[in-house]
Amino acid sequence: MNLYHALITRSDHENFTSGQFQLWRNAVLVFECFSLELPWLDNEINVSCIPYGEYTCVADNTGRHRFFKVLNVPGRSGIEFHVLNTVSGTEGCIGLGTGCDFSLDRSVYTLIDSDDALGYLKLLTIKEFKLTIQYAGLPF
């Protein structure tokens, strides 16, 4: 049985939350990329990233973005992984990209090749995985 577990190790910034996404299968690293979320604003709907913690993610064929849905987020619903370039394109969901770039003043974080990152995950035909979101410490 293949057991998948994803880990997002993230750093808080004033205007966004950046992170490293790792997907593991039976303790073997399968995929690694960058993540982007809204800044932490007390888990407010549509303006905040989701809290640190552990979640279950399931393949999503019916949602708005149809990649993966994050279940049991306290006080929230409709949280998904989806293609994302900057935080202006999300209302609380998680974006993934194969690369990232900061603006010169480090106020804007852009994901690169987000569609490639999510396309790869979809090719793995994963039905469900556990997700742990943890604090990385100082912003990178």
N, C-alpha and C. Protein backbone atom coordinates (compact mmCIF):
# COMPACT_ATOMS: atom_id res chain seq x y z
N MET A 1 0.84 -1.19 0.00
CA MET A 1 0.00 0.00 0.00
C MET A 1 0.88 1.24 0.00
N ASN A 2 0.62 2.16 -0.92
CA ASN A 2 1.38 3.40 -0.99
C ASN A 2 0.74 4.45 -0.10
N LEU A 3 1.46 4.89 0.90
CA LEU A 3 0.97 5.93 1.79
C LEU A 3 1.67 7.24 1.45
N TYR A 4 0.90 8.24 1.10
CA TYR A 4 1.45 9.54 0.75
C TYR A 4 1.30 10.51 1.92
N HIS A 5 2.33 11.29 2.12
CA HIS A 5 2.30 12.34 3.13
C HIS A 5 2.99 13.57 2.54
N ALA A 6 2.34 14.71 2.65
CA ALA A 6 2.93 15.97 2.17
C ALA A 6 3.28 16.84 3.36
N LEU A 7 4.33 17.59 3.19
CA LEU A 7 4.79 18.51 4.22
C LEU A 7 5.00 19.88 3.59
N ILE A 8 4.36 20.90 4.16
CA ILE A 8 4.65 22.28 3.77
C ILE A 8 5.33 22.93 4.95
N THR A 9 6.56 23.35 4.73
CA THR A 9 7.31 24.08 5.73
C THR A 9 7.31 25.53 5.26
N ARG A 10 6.63 26.39 6.03
CA ARG A 10 6.38 27.73 5.50
C ARG A 10 6.90 28.84 6.41
N SER A 11 7.07 30.00 5.77
CA SER A 11 7.55 31.21 6.43
C SER A 11 6.53 32.32 6.23
N ASP A 12 6.28 33.04 7.29
CA ASP A 12 5.31 34.14 7.24
C ASP A 12 5.98 35.44 6.81
N HIS A 13 5.34 36.15 5.91
CA HIS A 13 5.76 37.46 5.45
C HIS A 13 4.57 38.40 5.62
N GLU A 14 4.79 39.68 5.51
CA GLU A 14 3.72 40.64 5.69
C GLU A 14 2.60 40.47 4.66
N ASN A 15 2.97 40.24 3.39
CA ASN A 15 2.00 40.21 2.30
C ASN A 15 1.67 38.83 1.76
N PHE A 16 2.36 37.79 2.24
CA PHE A 16 2.17 36.44 1.72
C PHE A 16 2.82 35.45 2.67
N THR A 17 2.58 34.17 2.41
CA THR A 17 3.23 33.08 3.14
C THR A 17 3.89 32.18 2.11
N SER A 18 5.20 32.02 2.20
CA SER A 18 5.94 31.19 1.26
C SER A 18 6.32 29.88 1.92
N GLY A 19 6.55 28.87 1.09
CA GLY A 19 6.90 27.58 1.68
C GLY A 19 7.55 26.62 0.72
N GLN A 20 7.98 25.50 1.28
CA GLN A 20 8.51 24.36 0.54
C GLN A 20 7.49 23.24 0.69
N PHE A 21 7.08 22.67 -0.42
CA PHE A 21 6.15 21.54 -0.43
C PHE A 21 6.95 20.29 -0.77
N GLN A 22 6.79 19.26 0.04
CA GLN A 22 7.42 17.97 -0.23
C GLN A 22 6.35 16.89 -0.17
N LEU A 23 6.36 15.99 -1.14
CA LEU A 23 5.46 14.84 -1.15
C LEU A 23 6.28 13.58 -0.98
N TRP A 24 5.90 12.79 0.00
CA TRP A 24 6.60 11.55 0.34
C TRP A 24 5.66 10.37 0.11
N ARG A 25 6.21 9.26 -0.38
CA ARG A 25 5.47 8.00 -0.50
C ARG A 25 6.30 6.92 0.19
N ASN A 26 5.73 6.34 1.22
CA ASN A 26 6.44 5.30 1.99
C ASN A 26 7.85 5.76 2.36
N ALA A 27 7.96 6.96 2.89
CA ALA A 27 9.21 7.56 3.38
C ALA A 27 10.23 7.87 2.27
N VAL A 28 9.81 7.89 1.01
CA VAL A 28 10.69 8.26 -0.11
C VAL A 28 10.16 9.58 -0.70
N LEU A 29 11.05 10.56 -0.85
CA LEU A 29 10.65 11.84 -1.43
C LEU A 29 10.31 11.65 -2.91
N VAL A 30 9.07 12.00 -3.29
CA VAL A 30 8.58 11.80 -4.64
C VAL A 30 8.60 13.10 -5.44
N PHE A 31 8.32 14.21 -4.75
CA PHE A 31 8.19 15.49 -5.46
C PHE A 31 8.43 16.62 -4.47
N GLU A 32 9.06 17.70 -4.98
CA GLU A 32 9.34 18.87 -4.15
C GLU A 32 9.15 20.12 -4.99
N CYS A 33 8.53 21.13 -4.40
CA CYS A 33 8.33 22.39 -5.11
C CYS A 33 8.10 23.50 -4.09
N PHE A 34 7.66 24.67 -4.56
CA PHE A 34 7.42 25.82 -3.70
C PHE A 34 5.93 26.02 -3.50
N SER A 35 5.56 26.63 -2.37
CA SER A 35 4.15 26.91 -2.11
C SER A 35 3.96 28.40 -1.86
N LEU A 36 2.73 28.84 -2.06
CA LEU A 36 2.36 30.24 -1.83
C LEU A 36 0.95 30.29 -1.27
N GLU A 37 0.78 31.08 -0.23
CA GLU A 37 -0.53 31.29 0.38
C GLU A 37 -0.64 32.75 0.79
N LEU A 38 -1.84 33.13 1.17
CA LEU A 38 -2.07 34.45 1.74
C LEU A 38 -1.31 34.57 3.06
N PRO A 39 -1.11 35.79 3.56
CA PRO A 39 -0.47 35.94 4.87
C PRO A 39 -1.39 35.43 5.98
N TRP A 40 -0.83 35.19 7.16
CA TRP A 40 -1.63 34.76 8.30
C TRP A 40 -2.39 35.97 8.84
N LEU A 41 -3.72 35.90 8.79
CA LEU A 41 -4.60 36.94 9.32
C LEU A 41 -5.69 36.27 10.16
N ASP A 42 -5.24 35.52 11.17
CA ASP A 42 -6.12 34.86 12.14
C ASP A 42 -7.17 33.96 11.50
N ASN A 43 -6.81 33.29 10.42
CA ASN A 43 -7.68 32.33 9.75
C ASN A 43 -8.97 32.95 9.22
N GLU A 44 -8.95 34.24 8.94
CA GLU A 44 -10.14 34.90 8.38
C GLU A 44 -10.42 34.36 6.99
N ILE A 45 -11.69 34.09 6.73
CA ILE A 45 -12.12 33.53 5.45
C ILE A 45 -11.78 34.49 4.31
N ASN A 46 -11.21 33.95 3.24
CA ASN A 46 -10.86 34.65 1.99
C ASN A 46 -9.68 35.61 2.08
N VAL A 47 -9.09 35.81 3.26
CA VAL A 47 -7.96 36.74 3.36
C VAL A 47 -6.75 36.17 4.10
N SER A 48 -6.86 34.95 4.63
CA SER A 48 -5.79 34.37 5.44
C SER A 48 -5.40 32.99 4.92
N CYS A 49 -4.14 32.63 5.16
CA CYS A 49 -3.74 31.25 4.94
C CYS A 49 -4.39 30.38 6.01
N ILE A 50 -4.35 29.08 5.82
CA ILE A 50 -4.95 28.19 6.82
C ILE A 50 -3.95 27.97 7.96
N PRO A 51 -4.44 27.54 9.13
CA PRO A 51 -3.55 27.37 10.29
C PRO A 51 -2.54 26.24 10.09
N TYR A 52 -1.44 26.33 10.85
CA TYR A 52 -0.51 25.21 10.94
C TYR A 52 -1.29 24.02 11.48
N GLY A 53 -0.92 22.82 11.05
CA GLY A 53 -1.60 21.63 11.56
C GLY A 53 -1.53 20.49 10.58
N GLU A 54 -2.38 19.49 10.83
CA GLU A 54 -2.45 18.30 9.99
C GLU A 54 -3.83 18.18 9.37
N TYR A 55 -3.84 17.84 8.08
CA TYR A 55 -5.07 17.78 7.31
C TYR A 55 -5.06 16.56 6.41
N THR A 56 -6.23 16.21 5.91
CA THR A 56 -6.37 15.19 4.88
C THR A 56 -6.69 15.90 3.58
N CYS A 57 -6.03 15.49 2.51
CA CYS A 57 -6.28 16.05 1.18
C CYS A 57 -6.78 14.93 0.28
N VAL A 58 -7.77 15.25 -0.54
CA VAL A 58 -8.33 14.25 -1.45
C VAL A 58 -8.38 14.80 -2.87
N ALA A 59 -8.24 13.89 -3.83
CA ALA A 59 -8.37 14.27 -5.23
C ALA A 59 -9.75 14.89 -5.43
N ASP A 60 -9.80 15.94 -6.22
CA ASP A 60 -11.02 16.71 -6.37
C ASP A 60 -11.40 16.81 -7.84
N ASN A 61 -12.52 16.20 -8.19
CA ASN A 61 -13.01 16.27 -9.56
C ASN A 61 -14.24 17.16 -9.70
N THR A 62 -14.66 17.78 -8.60
CA THR A 62 -15.88 18.57 -8.64
C THR A 62 -15.69 20.02 -8.20
N GLY A 63 -14.61 20.35 -7.55
CA GLY A 63 -14.40 21.70 -7.03
C GLY A 63 -14.10 22.71 -8.12
N ARG A 64 -13.82 23.90 -7.68
CA ARG A 64 -13.54 25.01 -8.60
C ARG A 64 -12.29 24.75 -9.43
N HIS A 65 -11.24 24.21 -8.80
CA HIS A 65 -9.95 24.04 -9.50
C HIS A 65 -9.63 22.60 -9.88
N ARG A 66 -10.23 21.64 -9.21
CA ARG A 66 -10.15 20.22 -9.57
C ARG A 66 -8.76 19.61 -9.51
N PHE A 67 -8.02 19.93 -8.48
CA PHE A 67 -6.75 19.26 -8.22
C PHE A 67 -6.87 18.47 -6.92
N PHE A 68 -6.69 19.15 -5.79
CA PHE A 68 -6.84 18.51 -4.47
C PHE A 68 -7.57 19.44 -3.53
N LYS A 69 -8.44 18.85 -2.70
CA LYS A 69 -9.22 19.57 -1.72
C LYS A 69 -8.61 19.29 -0.34
N VAL A 70 -8.49 20.33 0.50
CA VAL A 70 -7.98 20.19 1.87
C VAL A 70 -9.19 20.11 2.80
N LEU A 71 -9.29 19.02 3.53
CA LEU A 71 -10.45 18.78 4.39
C LEU A 71 -10.20 19.19 5.84
N ASN A 72 -11.29 19.47 6.53
CA ASN A 72 -11.29 19.71 7.98
C ASN A 72 -10.43 20.88 8.42
N VAL A 73 -10.42 21.95 7.63
CA VAL A 73 -9.74 23.18 8.04
C VAL A 73 -10.68 23.91 9.00
N PRO A 74 -10.23 24.19 10.23
CA PRO A 74 -11.12 24.81 11.21
C PRO A 74 -11.73 26.12 10.70
N GLY A 75 -13.05 26.21 10.74
CA GLY A 75 -13.75 27.42 10.35
C GLY A 75 -13.72 27.76 8.88
N ARG A 76 -13.28 26.83 8.04
CA ARG A 76 -13.13 27.11 6.61
C ARG A 76 -13.68 25.96 5.77
N SER A 77 -14.03 26.27 4.54
CA SER A 77 -14.41 25.25 3.57
C SER A 77 -13.92 25.71 2.20
N GLY A 78 -13.90 24.79 1.24
CA GLY A 78 -13.51 25.14 -0.12
C GLY A 78 -12.02 25.42 -0.28
N ILE A 79 -11.19 24.91 0.62
CA ILE A 79 -9.74 25.12 0.49
C ILE A 79 -9.19 24.07 -0.47
N GLU A 80 -8.47 24.54 -1.49
CA GLU A 80 -7.94 23.65 -2.53
C GLU A 80 -6.49 24.00 -2.86
N PHE A 81 -5.80 23.06 -3.46
CA PHE A 81 -4.54 23.34 -4.14
C PHE A 81 -4.92 23.76 -5.55
N HIS A 82 -4.27 24.82 -6.06
CA HIS A 82 -4.57 25.22 -7.44
C HIS A 82 -3.43 26.02 -8.05
N VAL A 83 -3.50 26.18 -9.36
CA VAL A 83 -2.52 26.98 -10.10
C VAL A 83 -2.59 28.41 -9.57
N LEU A 84 -1.42 28.99 -9.29
CA LEU A 84 -1.36 30.32 -8.70
C LEU A 84 -0.04 30.98 -9.07
N ASN A 85 -0.09 32.26 -9.38
CA ASN A 85 1.13 33.02 -9.64
C ASN A 85 1.48 33.93 -8.47
N THR A 86 0.52 34.74 -8.01
CA THR A 86 0.73 35.62 -6.85
C THR A 86 -0.48 35.51 -5.93
N VAL A 87 -0.37 36.04 -4.72
CA VAL A 87 -1.47 35.92 -3.76
C VAL A 87 -2.73 36.64 -4.20
N SER A 88 -2.63 37.54 -5.16
CA SER A 88 -3.84 38.20 -5.65
C SER A 88 -4.77 37.22 -6.35
N GLY A 89 -4.29 36.01 -6.66
CA GLY A 89 -5.09 35.02 -7.36
C GLY A 89 -5.72 33.97 -6.46
N THR A 90 -5.72 34.20 -5.14
CA THR A 90 -6.30 33.21 -4.24
C THR A 90 -7.17 33.87 -3.18
N GLU A 91 -8.06 33.07 -2.64
CA GLU A 91 -8.92 33.51 -1.55
C GLU A 91 -8.75 32.59 -0.35
N GLY A 92 -7.52 32.13 -0.13
CA GLY A 92 -7.23 31.29 1.02
C GLY A 92 -6.73 29.90 0.68
N CYS A 93 -6.60 29.59 -0.60
CA CYS A 93 -6.14 28.28 -1.03
C CYS A 93 -4.60 28.24 -1.08
N ILE A 94 -4.07 27.11 -1.55
CA ILE A 94 -2.62 26.89 -1.61
C ILE A 94 -2.20 26.74 -3.06
N GLY A 95 -1.21 27.52 -3.47
CA GLY A 95 -0.64 27.40 -4.81
C GLY A 95 0.71 26.70 -4.74
N LEU A 96 1.04 25.97 -5.80
CA LEU A 96 2.32 25.29 -5.90
C LEU A 96 2.99 25.70 -7.20
N GLY A 97 4.33 25.74 -7.21
CA GLY A 97 5.08 26.06 -8.42
C GLY A 97 6.44 25.40 -8.39
N THR A 98 7.00 25.13 -9.56
CA THR A 98 8.31 24.48 -9.63
C THR A 98 9.44 25.45 -9.31
N GLY A 99 9.15 26.75 -9.38
CA GLY A 99 10.13 27.77 -9.03
C GLY A 99 9.43 28.94 -8.36
N CYS A 100 10.25 29.89 -7.89
CA CYS A 100 9.68 31.08 -7.26
C CYS A 100 10.61 32.26 -7.48
N ASP A 101 10.07 33.45 -7.29
CA ASP A 101 10.85 34.67 -7.46
C ASP A 101 10.30 35.73 -6.51
N PHE A 102 11.20 36.49 -5.91
CA PHE A 102 10.83 37.62 -5.05
C PHE A 102 11.03 38.91 -5.82
N SER A 103 10.20 39.91 -5.52
CA SER A 103 10.45 41.25 -6.05
C SER A 103 11.68 41.81 -5.36
N LEU A 104 12.27 42.86 -5.91
CA LEU A 104 13.50 43.43 -5.34
C LEU A 104 13.33 43.84 -3.88
N ASP A 105 12.17 44.37 -3.53
CA ASP A 105 11.93 44.78 -2.14
C ASP A 105 11.36 43.64 -1.29
N ARG A 106 11.24 42.44 -1.87
CA ARG A 106 10.76 41.23 -1.21
C ARG A 106 9.31 41.33 -0.72
N SER A 107 8.53 42.23 -1.33
CA SER A 107 7.14 42.38 -0.94
C SER A 107 6.20 41.51 -1.79
N VAL A 108 6.70 41.01 -2.93
CA VAL A 108 5.89 40.18 -3.82
C VAL A 108 6.65 38.88 -4.09
N TYR A 109 5.94 37.79 -3.99
CA TYR A 109 6.48 36.45 -4.21
C TYR A 109 5.68 35.85 -5.35
N THR A 110 6.36 35.37 -6.36
CA THR A 110 5.69 34.83 -7.54
C THR A 110 6.07 33.36 -7.72
N LEU A 111 5.07 32.52 -7.93
CA LEU A 111 5.34 31.13 -8.28
C LEU A 111 5.59 31.02 -9.77
N ILE A 112 6.48 30.14 -10.15
CA ILE A 112 6.83 29.90 -11.54
C ILE A 112 6.38 28.49 -11.91
N ASP A 113 5.80 28.34 -13.09
CA ASP A 113 5.35 27.04 -13.62
C ASP A 113 4.43 26.31 -12.66
N SER A 114 3.46 27.03 -12.15
CA SER A 114 2.48 26.45 -11.24
C SER A 114 1.68 25.33 -11.92
N ASP A 115 1.33 25.53 -13.17
CA ASP A 115 0.58 24.50 -13.87
C ASP A 115 1.38 23.22 -14.02
N ASP A 116 2.70 23.32 -14.18
CA ASP A 116 3.55 22.13 -14.28
C ASP A 116 3.58 21.36 -12.96
N ALA A 117 3.70 22.09 -11.84
CA ALA A 117 3.76 21.45 -10.53
C ALA A 117 2.47 20.67 -10.25
N LEU A 118 1.34 21.30 -10.47
CA LEU A 118 0.07 20.63 -10.20
C LEU A 118 -0.23 19.54 -11.23
N GLY A 119 0.20 19.75 -12.46
CA GLY A 119 0.04 18.72 -13.47
C GLY A 119 0.79 17.46 -13.11
N TYR A 120 2.00 17.62 -12.57
CA TYR A 120 2.78 16.46 -12.15
C TYR A 120 2.06 15.71 -11.02
N LEU A 121 1.56 16.45 -10.05
CA LEU A 121 0.84 15.79 -8.95
C LEU A 121 -0.38 15.03 -9.47
N LYS A 122 -1.06 15.61 -10.43
CA LYS A 122 -2.24 14.95 -10.99
C LYS A 122 -1.85 13.66 -11.73
N LEU A 123 -0.69 13.68 -12.39
CA LEU A 123 -0.21 12.48 -13.10
C LEU A 123 0.06 11.31 -12.16
N LEU A 124 0.38 11.61 -10.90
CA LEU A 124 0.65 10.55 -9.93
C LEU A 124 -0.61 9.79 -9.54
N THR A 125 -1.76 10.27 -9.94
CA THR A 125 -3.07 9.68 -9.66
C THR A 125 -3.26 9.34 -8.18
N ILE A 126 -2.88 10.27 -7.33
CA ILE A 126 -3.07 10.11 -5.89
C ILE A 126 -4.53 10.39 -5.56
N LYS A 127 -5.12 9.54 -4.77
CA LYS A 127 -6.51 9.73 -4.35
C LYS A 127 -6.59 10.52 -3.04
N GLU A 128 -5.58 10.31 -2.16
CA GLU A 128 -5.62 10.94 -0.84
C GLU A 128 -4.21 11.03 -0.28
N PHE A 129 -3.94 12.11 0.46
CA PHE A 129 -2.68 12.20 1.19
C PHE A 129 -2.87 13.02 2.45
N LYS A 130 -2.01 12.75 3.41
CA LYS A 130 -1.99 13.53 4.64
C LYS A 130 -1.11 14.75 4.40
N LEU A 131 -1.51 15.90 4.95
CA LEU A 131 -0.76 17.14 4.80
C LEU A 131 -0.43 17.69 6.18
N THR A 132 0.85 17.97 6.40
CA THR A 132 1.29 18.65 7.62
C THR A 132 1.83 20.00 7.21
N ILE A 133 1.35 21.05 7.87
CA ILE A 133 1.86 22.39 7.63
C ILE A 133 2.58 22.82 8.90
N GLN A 134 3.86 23.14 8.75
CA GLN A 134 4.66 23.52 9.91
C GLN A 134 5.42 24.81 9.64
N TYR A 135 5.88 25.42 10.71
CA TYR A 135 6.59 26.69 10.66
C TYR A 135 8.06 26.47 10.35
N ALA A 136 8.60 27.23 9.40
CA ALA A 136 10.00 27.08 9.01
C ALA A 136 10.94 27.95 9.83
N GLY A 137 10.41 28.93 10.50
CA GLY A 137 11.27 29.86 11.22
C GLY A 137 11.36 31.17 10.46
N LEU A 138 12.53 31.70 10.37
CA LEU A 138 12.72 32.99 9.71
C LEU A 138 12.39 32.91 8.23
N PRO A 139 11.82 33.99 7.66
CA PRO A 139 11.49 34.00 6.23
C PRO A 139 12.73 33.77 5.37
N PHE A 140 12.55 33.00 4.28
CA PHE A 140 13.67 32.80 3.34
C PHE A 140 13.50 33.68 2.16
